[in-house]
């Protein structure tokens, strides 16, 4: 229903679709490609942390529905195709479809849970605990939280963005996990957990 109200647009890799702090005017229904949702610090040395990886079938920019500012930025990781729906068109569809409104509410609640978990890990756990949670995320049972993170090739720098620490720290931990036989790196550069990770390192 939403897609019928929008326009299909193609985006190149590394295109910034949503800027943190900007007022939302449209929603994006991802039809192809992968995107990264992330938050930036506001200090003199800006840091960023990945909040989610988005793929086909997911909706981003939902905060546009209330006309408020976006709390995160979104950039394309690969060439992407999105159906762009204006705020006004989306609201008109929602008013006539209680089931769609409920789906959007569920999506918003999933993202709240995900943001809460990311914040909890960033504030109350060490780098190893955050890395362990990332590696085991696909076993969480939550479709949004489990979005095939483990099955994607990721560099140590990308992992560091995911968990909010330095690339060097990730490299040290991953080296120890691989040496201990807990994690292997497949030929396609995907990390796979082989056995239960230690609670502490």
Protein backbone atom coordinates (compact mmCIF):
# COMPACT_ATOMS: atom_id res chain seq x y z
CA UNK A 1 0.00 0.00 0.00
CA UNK A 2 2.79 2.40 0.85
CA UNK A 3 4.81 1.53 -2.24
CA UNK A 4 1.90 2.44 -4.51
CA UNK A 5 2.04 5.98 -3.11
CA UNK A 6 5.75 6.50 -3.71
CA UNK A 7 8.38 6.86 -6.40
CA UNK A 8 11.14 4.33 -7.07
CA UNK A 9 14.61 5.84 -6.94
CA UNK A 10 18.08 4.39 -7.45
CA UNK A 11 21.01 5.42 -5.25
CA UNK A 12 24.74 4.93 -5.57
CA UNK A 13 26.92 3.36 -2.88
CA UNK A 14 27.81 5.77 -0.02
CA UNK A 15 24.78 8.02 -0.66
CA UNK A 16 23.51 9.78 2.49
CA UNK A 17 19.72 9.41 2.50
CA UNK A 18 18.93 10.72 5.97
CA UNK A 19 20.92 13.24 8.00
CA UNK A 20 20.74 13.10 11.78
CA UNK A 21 18.96 16.20 13.10
CA UNK A 22 17.16 17.05 9.86
CA UNK A 23 13.37 17.26 9.87
CA UNK A 24 11.78 14.20 8.28
CA UNK A 25 9.61 14.68 5.20
CA UNK A 26 9.63 11.21 3.62
CA UNK A 27 9.90 7.49 4.28
CA UNK A 28 12.05 4.99 2.37
CA UNK A 29 10.90 1.45 1.62
CA UNK A 30 14.07 -0.47 0.74
CA UNK A 31 13.59 -2.63 -2.36
CA UNK A 32 17.21 -3.67 -2.98
CA UNK A 33 20.64 -3.08 -1.49
CA UNK A 34 21.96 -2.61 2.03
CA UNK A 35 22.02 0.52 4.17
CA UNK A 36 23.53 1.52 7.51
CA UNK A 37 21.74 3.49 10.21
CA UNK A 38 24.13 5.24 12.58
CA UNK A 39 24.35 7.98 15.20
CA UNK A 40 27.05 10.66 15.48
CA UNK A 41 28.43 12.36 18.58
CA UNK A 42 28.35 16.16 18.76
CA UNK A 43 31.80 16.74 20.26
CA UNK A 44 34.95 18.17 18.67
CA UNK A 45 36.07 14.70 17.55
CA UNK A 46 32.92 13.20 16.03
CA UNK A 47 32.44 9.49 16.67
CA UNK A 48 29.78 7.23 15.25
CA UNK A 49 28.10 3.99 16.18
CA UNK A 50 26.09 1.73 13.90
CA UNK A 51 22.52 1.24 15.11
CA UNK A 52 21.30 -1.19 12.45
CA UNK A 53 21.94 -2.66 9.03
CA UNK A 54 18.94 -2.35 6.74
CA UNK A 55 18.07 -4.58 3.77
CA UNK A 56 15.26 -5.14 1.26
CA UNK A 57 11.76 -5.11 2.70
CA UNK A 58 12.53 -2.76 5.57
CA UNK A 59 11.28 0.77 6.13
CA UNK A 60 13.45 3.69 7.24
CA UNK A 61 12.68 7.27 8.12
CA UNK A 62 9.56 6.40 10.13
CA UNK A 63 10.25 9.36 12.43
CA UNK A 64 9.10 11.55 9.54
CA UNK A 65 5.53 10.62 10.44
CA UNK A 66 5.46 13.01 13.40
CA UNK A 67 7.36 15.75 11.58
CA UNK A 68 10.19 15.65 14.11
CA UNK A 69 13.94 15.50 13.52
CA UNK A 70 15.71 12.28 12.61
CA UNK A 71 17.67 10.83 15.52
CA UNK A 72 20.09 8.94 13.23
CA UNK A 73 21.65 9.12 9.78
CA UNK A 74 21.27 6.52 7.03
CA UNK A 75 23.79 5.83 4.26
CA UNK A 76 23.83 3.23 1.48
CA UNK A 77 26.45 0.50 1.83
CA UNK A 78 25.78 -0.79 -1.69
CA UNK A 79 23.89 0.54 -4.69
CA UNK A 80 20.29 0.63 -3.50
CA UNK A 81 16.75 0.95 -4.78
CA UNK A 82 14.12 2.56 -2.56
CA UNK A 83 10.51 3.57 -2.91
CA UNK A 84 10.26 7.09 -1.50
CA UNK A 85 6.92 8.02 0.09
CA UNK A 86 6.09 11.54 1.25
CA UNK A 87 4.95 12.08 4.83
CA UNK A 88 1.54 13.31 3.65
CA UNK A 89 0.95 10.27 1.42
CA UNK A 90 2.01 7.86 4.15
CA UNK A 91 -0.31 9.46 6.71
CA UNK A 92 -3.23 9.34 4.26
CA UNK A 93 -2.71 5.59 3.74
CA UNK A 94 -2.34 4.92 7.47
CA UNK A 95 -5.60 6.71 8.26
CA UNK A 96 -7.47 4.20 6.09
CA UNK A 97 -5.53 1.08 7.13
CA UNK A 98 -5.47 0.14 10.83
CA UNK A 99 -3.43 -2.99 10.01
CA UNK A 100 -0.69 -0.89 8.40
CA UNK A 101 -0.72 1.47 11.37
CA UNK A 102 -0.21 -1.53 13.67
CA UNK A 103 2.68 -2.80 11.51
CA UNK A 104 4.37 0.59 11.72
CA UNK A 105 3.87 0.66 15.48
CA UNK A 106 5.52 -2.76 15.76
CA UNK A 107 8.41 -1.52 13.63
CA UNK A 108 8.84 1.54 15.84
CA UNK A 109 8.82 -0.63 18.98
CA UNK A 110 11.40 -2.99 17.48
CA UNK A 111 13.67 -0.05 16.76
CA UNK A 112 13.19 1.27 20.30
CA UNK A 113 14.22 -2.12 21.69
CA UNK A 114 17.23 -2.23 19.38
CA UNK A 115 18.31 1.31 20.29
CA UNK A 116 17.87 0.53 23.99
CA UNK A 117 20.01 -2.60 23.70
CA UNK A 118 22.70 -0.72 21.77
CA UNK A 119 22.74 2.02 24.42
CA UNK A 120 22.81 -0.48 27.28
CA UNK A 121 25.76 -2.34 25.80
CA UNK A 122 27.64 0.88 24.99
CA UNK A 123 27.23 2.30 28.51
CA UNK A 124 27.37 -0.74 30.76
CA UNK A 125 29.62 -3.31 29.09
CA UNK A 126 33.18 -3.61 27.86
CA UNK A 127 34.34 -3.99 24.27
CA UNK A 128 34.48 -7.79 24.45
CA UNK A 129 30.89 -8.06 25.71
CA UNK A 130 29.69 -5.83 22.86
CA UNK A 131 31.64 -7.82 20.28
CA UNK A 132 30.34 -11.10 21.68
CA UNK A 133 26.76 -9.80 21.49
CA UNK A 134 27.29 -8.74 17.88
CA UNK A 135 28.68 -12.14 16.86
CA UNK A 136 25.80 -13.98 18.50
CA UNK A 137 23.06 -11.56 17.47
CA UNK A 138 21.58 -13.88 14.84
CA UNK A 139 20.60 -16.26 17.64
CA UNK A 140 18.58 -13.60 19.45
CA UNK A 141 15.19 -14.59 17.99
CA UNK A 142 14.40 -10.98 17.10
CA UNK A 143 14.11 -10.61 13.33
CA UNK A 144 15.29 -7.00 13.34
CA UNK A 145 18.14 -7.54 15.79
CA UNK A 146 19.19 -10.71 13.99
CA UNK A 147 19.40 -9.15 10.53
CA UNK A 148 22.10 -11.41 9.07
CA UNK A 149 25.01 -9.56 10.74
CA UNK A 150 27.02 -12.75 11.15
CA UNK A 151 26.55 -13.77 7.54
CA UNK A 152 27.99 -10.56 6.12
CA UNK A 153 31.66 -9.97 5.34
CA UNK A 154 32.79 -7.26 7.76
CA UNK A 155 36.13 -5.55 8.25
CA UNK A 156 37.47 -4.84 11.72
CA UNK A 157 36.75 -1.15 11.11
CA UNK A 158 33.09 -1.92 10.34
CA UNK A 159 32.82 -4.11 13.44
CA UNK A 160 34.32 -1.27 15.49
CA UNK A 161 31.60 1.05 14.17
CA UNK A 162 29.00 -1.50 15.17
CA UNK A 163 30.14 -1.77 18.79
CA UNK A 164 31.61 1.67 19.43
CA UNK A 165 35.30 0.96 20.04
CA UNK A 166 38.62 1.16 18.19
CA UNK A 167 39.61 -1.03 15.25
CA UNK A 168 42.74 -2.03 17.15
CA UNK A 169 40.68 -3.36 20.04
CA UNK A 170 38.53 -5.41 17.66
CA UNK A 171 41.63 -6.85 16.00
CA UNK A 172 43.10 -7.97 19.33
CA UNK A 173 39.89 -9.64 20.50
CA UNK A 174 39.21 -11.34 17.17
CA UNK A 175 42.77 -12.66 17.02
CA UNK A 176 42.35 -14.26 20.46
CA UNK A 177 38.93 -15.72 19.58
CA UNK A 178 40.26 -17.24 16.36
CA UNK A 179 43.34 -18.63 18.13
CA UNK A 180 41.11 -20.16 20.79
CA UNK A 181 38.93 -21.85 18.16
CA UNK A 182 35.80 -19.88 19.06
CA UNK A 183 35.49 -18.04 15.76
CA UNK A 184 36.64 -18.78 12.20
CA UNK A 185 36.86 -16.49 9.22
CA UNK A 186 35.45 -18.09 6.10
CA UNK A 187 37.04 -17.60 2.64
CA UNK A 188 34.35 -15.01 1.85
CA UNK A 189 35.52 -12.98 4.91
CA UNK A 190 32.44 -13.84 6.97
CA UNK A 191 33.08 -14.56 10.65
CA UNK A 192 31.37 -17.67 12.04
CA UNK A 193 31.01 -18.67 15.69
CA UNK A 194 32.14 -22.30 16.18
CA UNK A 195 31.39 -22.79 19.86
CA UNK A 196 29.94 -20.94 22.81
CA UNK A 197 31.89 -17.76 23.45
CA UNK A 198 33.36 -17.17 26.92
CA UNK A 199 31.32 -14.85 29.14
CA UNK A 200 34.45 -12.84 29.87
CA UNK A 201 37.76 -12.43 28.14
